[in-house]
Structure formats: structure tokens, C-alpha cells
PDB file of N, CA and C in Angstrom:
ATOM      1  N   UNK A   1       0.662  -1.197   0.202  1.00  0.00           N
ATOM      2  CA  UNK A   1      -0.175  -0.147   0.020  1.00  0.00           C
ATOM      3  C   UNK A   1       1.041   1.036  -0.106  1.00  0.00           C
ATOM      4  N   UNK A   2       0.799   2.203  -0.763  1.00  0.00           N
ATOM      5  CA  UNK A   2       1.299   3.405  -0.874  1.00  0.00           C
ATOM      6  C   UNK A   2       0.827   4.215   0.506  1.00  0.00           C
ATOM      7  N   UNK A   3       1.682   4.714   1.057  1.00  0.00           N
ATOM      8  CA  UNK A   3       1.520   6.105   1.858  1.00  0.00           C
ATOM      9  C   UNK A   3       2.371   7.611   1.762  1.00  0.00           C
ATOM     10  N   UNK A   4       2.207   7.787   2.481  1.00  0.00           N
ATOM     11  CA  UNK A   4       2.603   9.083   2.449  1.00  0.00           C
ATOM     12  C   UNK A   4       2.254   9.808   4.075  1.00  0.00           C
ATOM     13  N   UNK A   5       3.397  10.539   4.794  1.00  0.00           N
ATOM     14  CA  UNK A   5       2.647  10.956   5.779  1.00  0.00           C
ATOM     15  C   UNK A   5       3.516  12.863   6.041  1.00  0.00           C
ATOM     16  N   UNK A   6       2.588  13.538   6.886  1.00  0.00           N
ATOM     17  CA  UNK A   6       2.712  14.947   6.577  1.00  0.00           C
ATOM     18  C   UNK A   6       2.683  15.035   8.395  1.00  0.00           C
ATOM     19  N   UNK A   7       4.348  15.574   8.727  1.00  0.00           N
ATOM     20  CA  UNK A   7       3.838  15.764  10.295  1.00  0.00           C
ATOM     21  C   UNK A   7       3.838  17.138  10.416  1.00  0.00           C
ATOM     22  N   UNK A   8       2.768  17.702  11.271  1.00  0.00           N
ATOM     23  CA  UNK A   8       3.619  19.168  11.720  1.00  0.00           C
ATOM     24  C   UNK A   8       4.444  19.361  12.735  1.00  0.00           C
ATOM     25  N   UNK A   9       4.918  20.310  12.742  1.00  0.00           N
ATOM     26  CA  UNK A   9       5.936  20.603  14.203  1.00  0.00           C
ATOM     27  C   UNK A   9       5.742  21.326  14.380  1.00  0.00           C
ATOM     28  N   UNK A  10       5.683  22.009  15.852  1.00  0.00           N
ATOM     29  CA  UNK A  10       5.374  22.834  16.777  1.00  0.00           C
ATOM     30  C   UNK A  10       3.479  22.868  16.651  1.00  0.00           C
ATOM     31  N   UNK A  11       3.590  21.708  17.397  1.00  0.00           N
ATOM     32  CA  UNK A  11       1.898  21.133  17.512  1.00  0.00           C
ATOM     33  C   UNK A  11       1.206  21.954  18.815  1.00  0.00           C
ATOM     34  N   UNK A  12       1.716  21.956  19.806  1.00  0.00           N
ATOM     35  CA  UNK A  12       1.876  22.797  20.677  1.00  0.00           C
ATOM     36  C   UNK A  12       1.650  23.924  20.716  1.00  0.00           C
ATOM     37  N   UNK A  13       2.653  24.699  19.946  1.00  0.00           N
ATOM     38  CA  UNK A  13       1.825  26.336  19.619  1.00  0.00           C
ATOM     39  C   UNK A  13       0.884  26.214  18.785  1.00  0.00           C
ATOM     40  N   UNK A  14       0.675  25.546  17.865  1.00  0.00           N
ATOM     41  CA  UNK A  14      -0.599  25.084  16.957  1.00  0.00           C
ATOM     42  C   UNK A  14      -1.734  25.190  18.169  1.00  0.00           C
ATOM     43  N   UNK A  15      -1.777  23.983  19.230  1.00  0.00           N
ATOM     44  CA  UNK A  15      -2.654  24.099  19.607  1.00  0.00           C
ATOM     45  C   UNK A  15      -3.314  24.948  20.624  1.00  0.00           C
ATOM     46  N   UNK A  16      -2.213  25.999  21.358  1.00  0.00           N
ATOM     47  CA  UNK A  16      -2.330  26.857  22.165  1.00  0.00           C
ATOM     48  C   UNK A  16      -2.920  28.338  20.979  1.00  0.00           C
ATOM     49  N   UNK A  17      -2.303  29.095  19.906  1.00  0.00           N
ATOM     50  CA  UNK A  17      -2.775  29.638  18.924  1.00  0.00           C
ATOM     51  C   UNK A  17      -4.188  29.396  18.444  1.00  0.00           C
ATOM     52  N   UNK A  18      -4.733  27.968  18.486  1.00  0.00           N
ATOM     53  CA  UNK A  18      -6.373  27.818  17.586  1.00  0.00           C
ATOM     54  C   UNK A  18      -7.291  27.697  18.760  1.00  0.00           C
ATOM     55  N   UNK A  19      -6.943  27.612  20.228  1.00  0.00           N
ATOM     56  CA  UNK A  19      -7.754  27.678  21.047  1.00  0.00           C
ATOM     57  C   UNK A  19      -8.173  29.496  21.471  1.00  0.00           C
ATOM     58  N   UNK A  20      -7.171  30.025  20.989  1.00  0.00           N
ATOM     59  CA  UNK A  20      -7.386  31.239  20.994  1.00  0.00           C
ATOM     60  C   UNK A  20      -8.579  32.051  19.972  1.00  0.00           C
ATOM     61  N   UNK A  21      -7.848  31.254  18.763  1.00  0.00           N
ATOM     62  CA  UNK A  21      -8.464  32.012  17.420  1.00  0.00           C
ATOM     63  C   UNK A  21      -9.323  30.677  16.866  1.00  0.00           C
ATOM     64  N   UNK A  22      -9.329  29.458  17.203  1.00  0.00           N
ATOM     65  CA  UNK A  22     -10.450  28.903  16.415  1.00  0.00           C
ATOM     66  C   UNK A  22     -10.897  27.714  17.637  1.00  0.00           C
ATOM     67  N   UNK A  23     -11.523  27.005  17.384  1.00  0.00           N
ATOM     68  CA  UNK A  23     -12.013  25.654  18.054  1.00  0.00           C
ATOM     69  C   UNK A  23     -11.496  24.875  17.209  1.00  0.00           C
ATOM     70  N   UNK A  24     -10.731  23.564  18.081  1.00  0.00           N
ATOM     71  CA  UNK A  24     -10.426  22.320  17.108  1.00  0.00           C
ATOM     72  C   UNK A  24     -11.516  21.593  16.684  1.00  0.00           C
ATOM     73  N   UNK A  25     -12.854  21.776  16.510  1.00  0.00           N
ATOM     74  CA  UNK A  25     -13.956  21.368  15.644  1.00  0.00           C
ATOM     75  C   UNK A  25     -13.303  21.772  14.262  1.00  0.00           C
ATOM     76  N   UNK A  26     -13.139  23.120  14.332  1.00  0.00           N
ATOM     77  CA  UNK A  26     -12.288  23.521  12.701  1.00  0.00           C
ATOM     78  C   UNK A  26     -11.425  22.853  12.742  1.00  0.00           C
ATOM     79  N   UNK A  27     -10.545  22.929  13.408  1.00  0.00           N
ATOM     80  CA  UNK A  27      -9.395  21.810  12.297  1.00  0.00           C
ATOM     81  C   UNK A  27      -9.559  20.081  12.166  1.00  0.00           C
ATOM     82  N   UNK A  28     -10.844  19.773  12.651  1.00  0.00           N
ATOM     83  CA  UNK A  28     -11.078  18.469  12.476  1.00  0.00           C
ATOM     84  C   UNK A  28     -12.077  18.682  11.180  1.00  0.00           C
ATOM     85  N   UNK A  29     -12.759  19.379  11.129  1.00  0.00           N
ATOM     86  CA  UNK A  29     -13.155  19.649   9.700  1.00  0.00           C
ATOM     87  C   UNK A  29     -12.440  20.212   8.555  1.00  0.00           C
ATOM     88  N   UNK A  30     -11.499  21.029   9.036  1.00  0.00           N
ATOM     89  CA  UNK A  30     -10.230  21.197   7.794  1.00  0.00           C
ATOM     90  C   UNK A  30      -9.796  19.777   7.365  1.00  0.00           C
ATOM     91  N   UNK A  31      -9.313  19.435   8.271  1.00  0.00           N
ATOM     92  CA  UNK A  31      -8.517  18.092   7.830  1.00  0.00           C
ATOM     93  C   UNK A  31      -9.700  17.005   7.078  1.00  0.00           C
ATOM     94  N   UNK A  32     -10.783  16.658   7.676  1.00  0.00           N
ATOM     95  CA  UNK A  32     -11.860  16.230   7.091  1.00  0.00           C
ATOM     96  C   UNK A  32     -11.585  16.153   5.492  1.00  0.00           C
ATOM     97  N   UNK A  33     -11.952  17.417   5.201  1.00  0.00           N
ATOM     98  CA  UNK A  33     -12.479  18.473   4.228  1.00  0.00           C
ATOM     99  C   UNK A  33     -11.205  17.886   3.053  1.00  0.00           C
ATOM    100  N   UNK A  34      -9.622  17.969   3.765  1.00  0.00           N
ATOM    101  CA  UNK A  34      -8.559  18.433   2.798  1.00  0.00           C
ATOM    102  C   UNK A  34      -8.327  16.701   2.527  1.00  0.00           C
ATOM    103  N   UNK A  35      -8.793  16.147   3.529  1.00  0.00           N
ATOM    104  CA  UNK A  35      -8.445  14.467   3.369  1.00  0.00           C
ATOM    105  C   UNK A  35      -9.975  13.796   1.893  1.00  0.00           C
ATOM    106  N   UNK A  36     -11.159  14.355   2.736  1.00  0.00           N
ATOM    107  CA  UNK A  36     -11.444  13.779   0.736  1.00  0.00           C
ATOM    108  C   UNK A  36     -11.723  14.131  -0.365  1.00  0.00           C
ATOM    109  N   UNK A  37     -11.275  15.931  -0.080  1.00  0.00           N
ATOM    110  CA  UNK A  37     -10.174  16.447  -1.204  1.00  0.00           C
ATOM    111  C   UNK A  37      -9.231  14.973  -2.043  1.00  0.00           C
ATOM    112  N   UNK A  38      -8.463  15.245  -1.454  1.00  0.00           N
ATOM    113  CA  UNK A  38      -7.310  14.236  -1.385  1.00  0.00           C
ATOM    114  C   UNK A  38      -7.731  13.063  -2.230  1.00  0.00           C
ATOM    115  N   UNK A  39      -8.653  12.707  -1.603  1.00  0.00           N
ATOM    116  CA  UNK A  39      -8.965  10.438  -2.232  1.00  0.00           C
ATOM    117  C   UNK A  39     -10.163  11.364  -3.619  1.00  0.00           C
ATOM    118  N   UNK A  40     -10.723  12.207  -3.225  1.00  0.00           N
ATOM    119  CA  UNK A  40     -11.205  12.746  -5.059  1.00  0.00           C
ATOM    120  C   UNK A  40     -10.766  12.713  -6.067  1.00  0.00           C
ATOM    121  N   UNK A  41      -9.536  13.603  -5.286  1.00  0.00           N
ATOM    122  CA  UNK A  41      -8.530  14.119  -6.959  1.00  0.00           C
ATOM    123  C   UNK A  41      -7.638  12.754  -7.627  1.00  0.00           C
ATOM    124  N   UNK A  42      -7.080  11.806  -6.227  1.00  0.00           N
ATOM    125  CA  UNK A  42      -6.704  10.429  -6.275  1.00  0.00           C
ATOM    126  C   UNK A  42      -7.705  10.068  -7.470  1.00  0.00           C
ATOM    127  N   UNK A  43      -8.347   9.329  -6.983  1.00  0.00           N
ATOM    128  CA  UNK A  43      -9.536   8.830  -7.811  1.00  0.00           C
ATOM    129  C   UNK A  43      -9.792   9.333  -8.988  1.00  0.00           C
ATOM    130  N   UNK A  44      -9.653  10.588  -9.346  1.00  0.00           N
ATOM    131  CA  UNK A  44      -9.215  11.114 -10.717  1.00  0.00           C
ATOM    132  C   UNK A  44      -9.012  10.967 -11.422  1.00  0.00           C
ATOM    133  N   UNK A  45      -7.770  11.026 -11.051  1.00  0.00           N
ATOM    134  CA  UNK A  45      -6.771  11.002 -11.891  1.00  0.00           C
ATOM    135  C   UNK A  45      -6.003   9.430 -11.700  1.00  0.00           C
ATOM    136  N   UNK A  46      -6.622   8.917 -11.269  1.00  0.00           N
ATOM    137  CA  UNK A  46      -5.959   7.055 -11.156  1.00  0.00           C
ATOM    138  C   UNK A  46      -6.549   6.659 -12.395  1.00  0.00           C
ATOM    139  N   UNK A  47      -5.159   5.718 -13.409  1.00  0.00           N
ATOM    140  CA  UNK A  47      -5.877   5.188 -14.393  1.00  0.00           C
ATOM    141  C   UNK A  47      -6.591   3.965 -14.026  1.00  0.00           C
ATOM    142  N   UNK A  48      -7.387   3.932 -15.034  1.00  0.00           N
ATOM    143  CA  UNK A  48      -9.138   2.844 -15.479  1.00  0.00           C
ATOM    144  C   UNK A  48      -8.707   2.112 -15.979  1.00  0.00           C
ATOM    145  N   UNK A  49      -8.552   0.755 -15.394  1.00  0.00           N
ATOM    146  CA  UNK A  49      -9.498  -0.592 -16.839  1.00  0.00           C
ATOM    147  C   UNK A  49     -10.545  -1.081 -16.215  1.00  0.00           C
ATOM    148  N   UNK A  50     -10.123  -1.530 -15.393  1.00  0.00           N
ATOM    149  CA  UNK A  50     -11.382  -2.456 -14.739  1.00  0.00           C
ATOM    150  C   UNK A  50     -12.026  -1.692 -13.653  1.00  0.00           C
ATOM    151  N   UNK A  51     -11.860  -0.288 -13.315  1.00  0.00           N
ATOM    152  CA  UNK A  51     -12.439   0.633 -12.232  1.00  0.00           C
ATOM    153  C   UNK A  51     -11.675   0.299 -10.364  1.00  0.00           C
ATOM    154  N   UNK A  52     -11.017  -0.980 -10.743  1.00  0.00           N
ATOM    155  CA  UNK A  52     -10.614  -1.512  -9.146  1.00  0.00           C
ATOM    156  C   UNK A  52      -9.684  -0.713  -8.501  1.00  0.00           C
ATOM    157  N   UNK A  53      -8.923  -0.370  -8.967  1.00  0.00           N
ATOM    158  CA  UNK A  53      -8.109   0.789  -8.715  1.00  0.00           C
ATOM    159  C   UNK A  53      -8.816   2.040  -7.978  1.00  0.00           C
ATOM    160  N   UNK A  54      -9.596   2.866  -8.316  1.00  0.00           N
ATOM    161  CA  UNK A  54     -10.312   3.844  -8.243  1.00  0.00           C
ATOM    162  C   UNK A  54     -11.378   3.413  -7.062  1.00  0.00           C
ATOM    163  N   UNK A  55     -11.824   2.115  -7.138  1.00  0.00           N
ATOM    164  CA  UNK A  55     -12.553   1.939  -5.953  1.00  0.00           C
ATOM    165  C   UNK A  55     -11.703   1.639  -4.805  1.00  0.00           C
ATOM    166  N   UNK A  56     -10.362   1.317  -4.625  1.00  0.00           N
ATOM    167  CA  UNK A  56      -9.568   0.563  -3.928  1.00  0.00           C
ATOM    168  C   UNK A  56      -9.300   1.995  -2.966  1.00  0.00           C
ATOM    169  N   UNK A  57      -9.399   3.361  -3.461  1.00  0.00           N
ATOM    170  CA  UNK A  57      -8.261   4.445  -2.859  1.00  0.00           C
ATOM    171  C   UNK A  57      -9.944   4.655  -1.767  1.00  0.00           C
ATOM    172  N   UNK A  58      -9.473   4.833  -0.201  1.00  0.00           N
ATOM    173  CA  UNK A  58     -10.712   5.663   0.614  1.00  0.00           C
ATOM    174  C   UNK A  58      -9.755   5.778   1.014  1.00  0.00           C
ATOM    175  N   UNK A  59     -10.398   6.957   2.272  1.00  0.00           N
ATOM    176  CA  UNK A  59     -10.259   7.757   3.461  1.00  0.00           C
ATOM    177  C   UNK A  59     -10.784   7.154   4.752  1.00  0.00           C
ATOM    178  N   UNK A  60      -9.968   7.484   5.556  1.00  0.00           N
ATOM    179  CA  UNK A  60     -10.351   6.695   6.833  1.00  0.00           C
ATOM    180  C   UNK A  60      -9.779   8.240   7.996  1.00  0.00           C
ATOM    181  N   UNK A  61     -10.745   8.018   8.598  1.00  0.00           N
ATOM    182  CA  UNK A  61     -10.271   9.491   9.725  1.00  0.00           C
ATOM    183  C   UNK A  61      -9.828   8.166  11.383  1.00  0.00           C
ATOM    184  N   UNK A  62      -8.467   8.629  11.284  1.00  0.00           N
ATOM    185  CA  UNK A  62      -8.275   8.014  12.630  1.00  0.00           C
ATOM    186  C   UNK A  62      -8.017   9.209  14.048  1.00  0.00           C
ATOM    187  N   UNK A  63      -7.426   9.167  15.349  1.00  0.00           N
ATOM    188  CA  UNK A  63      -7.501   9.728  16.207  1.00  0.00           C
ATOM    189  C   UNK A  63      -8.281  11.419  16.545  1.00  0.00           C
ATOM    190  N   UNK A  64      -9.216  10.911  16.700  1.00  0.00           N
ATOM    191  CA  UNK A  64     -10.163  11.309  16.700  1.00  0.00           C
ATOM    192  C   UNK A  64     -10.834  12.542  16.018  1.00  0.00           C
ATOM    193  N   UNK A  65     -10.503  12.098  14.638  1.00  0.00           N
ATOM    194  CA  UNK A  65     -10.443  13.703  13.706  1.00  0.00           C
ATOM    195  C   UNK A  65      -9.387  13.954  13.292  1.00  0.00           C
ATOM    196  N   UNK A  66      -8.398  13.968  13.724  1.00  0.00           N
ATOM    197  CA  UNK A  66      -7.084  14.687  14.066  1.00  0.00           C
ATOM    198  C   UNK A  66      -6.160  14.380  12.667  1.00  0.00           C
ATOM    199  N   UNK A  67      -6.573  13.077  12.395  1.00  0.00           N
ATOM    200  CA  UNK A  67      -6.187  12.624  10.785  1.00  0.00           C
ATOM    201  C   UNK A  67      -6.635  11.968  10.091  1.00  0.00           C
ATOM    202  N   UNK A  68      -6.354  12.492   8.763  1.00  0.00           N
ATOM    203  CA  UNK A  68      -6.738  12.150   7.493  1.00  0.00           C
ATOM    204  C   UNK A  68      -5.622  10.719   6.922  1.00  0.00           C
ATOM    205  N   UNK A  69      -6.249   9.335   6.664  1.00  0.00           N
ATOM    206  CA  UNK A  69      -5.721   8.696   6.133  1.00  0.00           C
ATOM    207  C   UNK A  69      -6.195   8.084   5.096  1.00  0.00           C
ATOM    208  N   UNK A  70      -5.358   8.285   3.890  1.00  0.00           N
ATOM    209  CA  UNK A  70      -5.498   7.868   2.272  1.00  0.00           C
ATOM    210  C   UNK A  70      -5.287   6.788   1.775  1.00  0.00           C
ATOM    211  N   UNK A  71      -5.694   5.778   1.663  1.00  0.00           N
ATOM    212  CA  UNK A  71      -4.828   4.453   1.231  1.00  0.00           C
ATOM    213  C   UNK A  71      -5.699   3.913  -0.171  1.00  0.00           C
ATOM    214  N   UNK A  72      -4.483   3.006  -0.442  1.00  0.00           N
ATOM    215  CA  UNK A  72      -4.948   2.413  -1.975  1.00  0.00           C
ATOM    216  C   UNK A  72      -4.402   1.258  -1.582  1.00  0.00           C
ATOM    217  N   UNK A  73      -5.815   0.310  -2.050  1.00  0.00           N
ATOM    218  CA  UNK A  73      -5.763  -1.002  -1.580  1.00  0.00           C
ATOM    219  C   UNK A  73      -5.099  -1.865  -2.649  1.00  0.00           C
ATOM    220  N   UNK A  74      -5.406  -1.158  -3.588  1.00  0.00           N
ATOM    221  CA  UNK A  74      -4.754  -2.455  -5.161  1.00  0.00           C
ATOM    222  C   UNK A  74      -3.253  -2.677  -4.267  1.00  0.00           C
ATOM    223  N   UNK A  75      -3.185  -4.011  -4.780  1.00  0.00           N
ATOM    224  CA  UNK A  75      -2.145  -4.681  -4.985  1.00  0.00           C
ATOM    225  C   UNK A  75      -1.554  -3.975  -5.564  1.00  0.00           C
ATOM    226  N   UNK A  76      -1.490  -3.732  -6.695  1.00  0.00           N
ATOM    227  CA  UNK A  76      -0.213  -3.359  -8.123  1.00  0.00           C
ATOM    228  C   UNK A  76      -0.199  -1.745  -8.174  1.00  0.00           C
ATOM    229  N   UNK A  77      -0.394  -0.951  -6.987  1.00  0.00           N
ATOM    230  CA  UNK A  77      -0.865   0.060  -7.343  1.00  0.00           C
ATOM    231  C   UNK A  77       0.525   0.774  -7.095  1.00  0.00           C
ATOM    232  N   UNK A  78       1.950   0.011  -6.161  1.00  0.00           N
ATOM    233  CA  UNK A  78       3.154   0.577  -6.447  1.00  0.00           C
ATOM    234  C   UNK A  78       3.927   0.335  -8.097  1.00  0.00           C
ATOM    235  N   UNK A  79       3.085   0.023  -8.284  1.00  0.00           N
ATOM    236  CA  UNK A  79       3.738  -0.692  -9.747  1.00  0.00           C
ATOM    237  C   UNK A  79       3.036   0.654 -10.479  1.00  0.00           C
ATOM    238  N   UNK A  80       2.381   1.092 -10.558  1.00  0.00           N
ATOM    239  CA  UNK A  80       1.353   1.952 -11.534  1.00  0.00           C
ATOM    240  C   UNK A  80       2.399   3.507 -11.156  1.00  0.00           C
ATOM    241  N   UNK A  81       2.787   3.582  -9.522  1.00  0.00           N
ATOM    242  CA  UNK A  81       3.332   4.629  -8.871  1.00  0.00           C
ATOM    243  C   UNK A  81       4.265   4.635  -9.649  1.00  0.00           C
ATOM    244  N   UNK A  82       5.385   3.917  -9.432  1.00  0.00           N
ATOM    245  CA  UNK A  82       7.019   3.775  -9.172  1.00  0.00           C
ATOM    246  C   UNK A  82       6.798   3.724 -11.186  1.00  0.00           C
ATOM    247  N   UNK A  83       6.387   2.870 -11.619  1.00  0.00           N
ATOM    248  CA  UNK A  83       6.828   1.982 -12.844  1.00  0.00           C
ATOM    249  C   UNK A  83       7.495   1.025 -12.680  1.00  0.00           C
ATOM    250  N   UNK A  84       7.571   0.203 -13.711  1.00  0.00           N
ATOM    251  CA  UNK A  84       8.827  -1.140 -13.644  1.00  0.00           C
ATOM    252  C   UNK A  84       9.533  -1.170 -14.975  1.00  0.00           C
ATOM    253  N   UNK A  85      10.473  -1.620 -15.522  1.00  0.00           N
ATOM    254  CA  UNK A  85      10.795  -1.933 -16.782  1.00  0.00           C
ATOM    255  C   UNK A  85      10.360  -1.926 -17.553  1.00  0.00           C
ATOM    256  N   UNK A  86       8.918  -2.599 -17.698  1.00  0.00           N
ATOM    257  CA  UNK A  86       8.288  -2.822 -18.642  1.00  0.00           C
ATOM    258  C   UNK A  86       7.100  -1.575 -19.140  1.00  0.00           C
ATOM    259  N   UNK A  87       6.750  -1.283 -18.270  1.00  0.00           N
ATOM    260  CA  UNK A  87       5.627   0.223 -17.674  1.00  0.00           C
ATOM    261  C   UNK A  87       6.244   1.538 -17.337  1.00  0.00           C
ATOM    262  N   UNK A  88       5.993   2.794 -18.050  1.00  0.00           N
ATOM    263  CA  UNK A  88       6.041   3.671 -17.320  1.00  0.00           C
ATOM    264  C   UNK A  88       5.453   3.883 -15.936  1.00  0.00           C
ATOM    265  N   UNK A  89       5.742   4.801 -15.117  1.00  0.00           N
ATOM    266  CA  UNK A  89       5.241   5.510 -14.236  1.00  0.00           C
ATOM    267  C   UNK A  89       3.443   6.004 -14.261  1.00  0.00           C
ATOM    268  N   UNK A  90       2.645   6.018 -14.186  1.00  0.00           N
ATOM    269  CA  UNK A  90       1.343   6.780 -14.022  1.00  0.00           C
ATOM    270  C   UNK A  90       0.969   7.668 -12.349  1.00  0.00           C
ATOM    271  N   UNK A  91       1.953   7.805 -11.993  1.00  0.00           N
ATOM    272  CA  UNK A  91       1.608   8.855 -10.385  1.00  0.00           C
ATOM    273  C   UNK A  91       0.438   9.569 -10.443  1.00  0.00           C
ATOM    274  N   UNK A  92      -0.254   8.910  -9.163  1.00  0.00           N
ATOM    275  CA  UNK A  92      -1.683   9.286  -9.118  1.00  0.00           C
ATOM    276  C   UNK A  92      -1.801   9.850  -7.821  1.00  0.00           C
ATOM    277  N   UNK A  93      -0.695   9.538  -7.156  1.00  0.00           N
ATOM    278  CA  UNK A  93      -0.291   9.575  -5.527  1.00  0.00           C
ATOM    279  C   UNK A  93       0.174  11.056  -5.148  1.00  0.00           C
ATOM    280  N   UNK A  94       1.708  10.695  -5.379  1.00  0.00           N
ATOM    281  CA  UNK A  94       2.151  12.298  -4.788  1.00  0.00           C
ATOM    282  C   UNK A  94       2.253  13.049  -5.851  1.00  0.00           C
ATOM    283  N   UNK A  95       1.486  13.759  -6.800  1.00  0.00           N
ATOM    284  CA  UNK A  95       1.264  14.741  -7.401  1.00  0.00           C
ATOM    285  C   UNK A  95      -0.015  15.100  -6.233  1.00  0.00           C
ATOM    286  N   UNK A  96      -0.719  14.751  -6.299  1.00  0.00           N
ATOM    287  CA  UNK A  96      -2.321  14.683  -5.279  1.00  0.00           C
ATOM    288  C   UNK A  96      -1.701  15.356  -4.285  1.00  0.00           C
ATOM    289  N   UNK A  97      -0.665  14.423  -3.521  1.00  0.00           N
ATOM    290  CA  UNK A  97      -0.297  14.773  -2.101  1.00  0.00           C
ATOM    291  C   UNK A  97       0.254  16.178  -1.827  1.00  0.00           C
ATOM    292  N   UNK A  98       1.102  15.996  -2.993  1.00  0.00           N
ATOM    293  CA  UNK A  98       1.941  17.471  -2.579  1.00  0.00           C
ATOM    294  C   UNK A  98       1.150  18.642  -2.826  1.00  0.00           C
ATOM    295  N   UNK A  99       0.199  18.691  -3.788  1.00  0.00           N
ATOM    296  CA  UNK A  99      -1.049  20.207  -4.172  1.00  0.00           C
ATOM    297  C   UNK A  99      -1.694  19.894  -2.918  1.00  0.00           C
ATOM    298  N   UNK A 100      -1.675  19.101  -2.077  1.00  0.00           N
ATOM    299  CA  UNK A 100      -2.714  19.155  -0.792  1.00  0.00           C
ATOM    300  C   UNK A 100      -2.519  19.434   0.030  1.00  0.00           C
ATOM    301  N   UNK A 101      -1.140  18.856   0.334  1.00  0.00           N
ATOM    302  CA  UNK A 101      -0.387  19.518   1.230  1.00  0.00           C
ATOM    303  C   UNK A 101      -0.094  20.869   1.512  1.00  0.00           C
ATOM    304  N   UNK A 102      -0.036  21.440   0.511  1.00  0.00           N
ATOM    305  CA  UNK A 102       0.387  22.893   0.633  1.00  0.00           C
ATOM    306  C   UNK A 102      -1.485  23.786   0.343  1.00  0.00           C
ATOM    307  N   UNK A 103      -2.452  23.174   0.125  1.00  0.00           N
ATOM    308  CA  UNK A 103      -3.776  23.739   0.329  1.00  0.00           C
ATOM    309  C   UNK A 103      -4.149  22.996   1.880  1.00  0.00           C
ATOM    310  N   UNK A 104      -3.723  22.245   2.479  1.00  0.00           N
ATOM    311  CA  UNK A 104      -3.935  22.149   4.027  1.00  0.00           C
ATOM    312  C   UNK A 104      -2.741  23.095   4.744  1.00  0.00           C
ATOM    313  N   UNK A 105      -1.777  23.214   4.171  1.00  0.00           N
ATOM    314  CA  UNK A 105      -1.170  24.543   5.157  1.00  0.00           C
ATOM    315  C   UNK A 105      -1.932  25.909   5.344  1.00  0.00           C
ATOM    316  N   UNK A 106      -1.977  26.240   3.832  1.00  0.00           N
ATOM    317  CA  UNK A 106      -2.695  27.050   3.718  1.00  0.00           C
ATOM    318  C   UNK A 106      -4.332  27.035   5.064  1.00  0.00           C
ATOM    319  N   UNK A 107      -4.988  26.491   4.643  1.00  0.00           N
ATOM    320  CA  UNK A 107      -5.993  26.061   5.522  1.00  0.00           C
ATOM    321  C   UNK A 107      -5.951  26.379   7.135  1.00  0.00           C
ATOM    322  N   UNK A 108      -5.144  25.864   7.500  1.00  0.00           N
ATOM    323  CA  UNK A 108      -4.322  25.820   8.673  1.00  0.00           C
ATOM    324  C   UNK A 108      -3.776  27.320   9.274  1.00  0.00           C
ATOM    325  N   UNK A 109      -3.214  27.625   8.225  1.00  0.00           N
ATOM    326  CA  UNK A 109      -3.233  29.569   8.690  1.00  0.00           C
ATOM    327  C   UNK A 109      -3.937  30.481   8.338  1.00  0.00           C
ATOM    328  N   UNK A 110      -4.824  29.958   7.445  1.00  0.00           N
ATOM    329  CA  UNK A 110      -6.470  30.552   7.528  1.00  0.00           C
ATOM    330  C   UNK A 110      -6.795  30.779   9.096  1.00  0.00           C
ATOM    331  N   UNK A 111      -7.219  29.779   9.765  1.00  0.00           N
ATOM    332  CA  UNK A 111      -7.386  29.216  10.521  1.00  0.00           C
ATOM    333  C   UNK A 111      -6.742  29.761  12.016  1.00  0.00           C
ATOM    334  N   UNK A 112      -5.937  30.446  11.251  1.00  0.00           N
ATOM    335  CA  UNK A 112      -4.559  31.175  12.633  1.00  0.00           C
ATOM    336  C   UNK A 112      -5.115  32.651  13.034  1.00  0.00           C
ATOM    337  N   UNK A 113      -5.341  33.239  11.721  1.00  0.00           N
ATOM    338  CA  UNK A 113      -5.553  34.388  11.779  1.00  0.00           C
ATOM    339  C   UNK A 113      -6.839  34.838  12.119  1.00  0.00           C
TER     340      UNK A 113
END
């Protein structure tokens, strides 16, 4: 299963700032929104032959709503993402991850204002 992690350093300062400016529910909603957007974009960009790959991209909320986990269940997904010597890479995972990561950062910064 292909995975990517986004870690936020300075979580204590973030939580302190959020308590002053926004509620933790706002943060949970931001995580949920960005997680579901990333899932939707990955499904849109996934190559389709039978549709199994697209259906195997799932979103799961963890850590009481503070973590969004988007996973790809198709066993052949790494071959599509990285390519092989016989097939070129058709990466639907990393470009969407990096794009959504920047959007997520902007959304959190907007909450802090």
C-alpha cells in the first residue's frame, strides 16, 4: 500500500494558537475536508482499466478526527506509481499529495488568523 505522511512540527504552539482563534472542531473539519479532497483527486487521476484501483482508494479518519488516512488497497498500485522496466510510471498519488499538502497548510494558516 502506498503511503505518505505529513507531520506538523510545533503542535503545542498550534494548539495554543487555535484555542485563542478557532475551535478544535474547525481543525477536524479542515482535516476532513482536505482528506476527502485528496481522495477525490486521486480517484479522478487514477488510471482506469477495470475500475478496481479507483474503488480501492479509501479515506479513513483516525486520531479522533485529527488524522486523515488515504490508502490504496490495490496490490498493484506501487507498480503504477513508480513504474517498472516494462511500463512507465502513472503516478496518481504523489502529485495529489503534494498539492493537497500545500492547500492544507494554507487552510491551517487561515484558521490561525
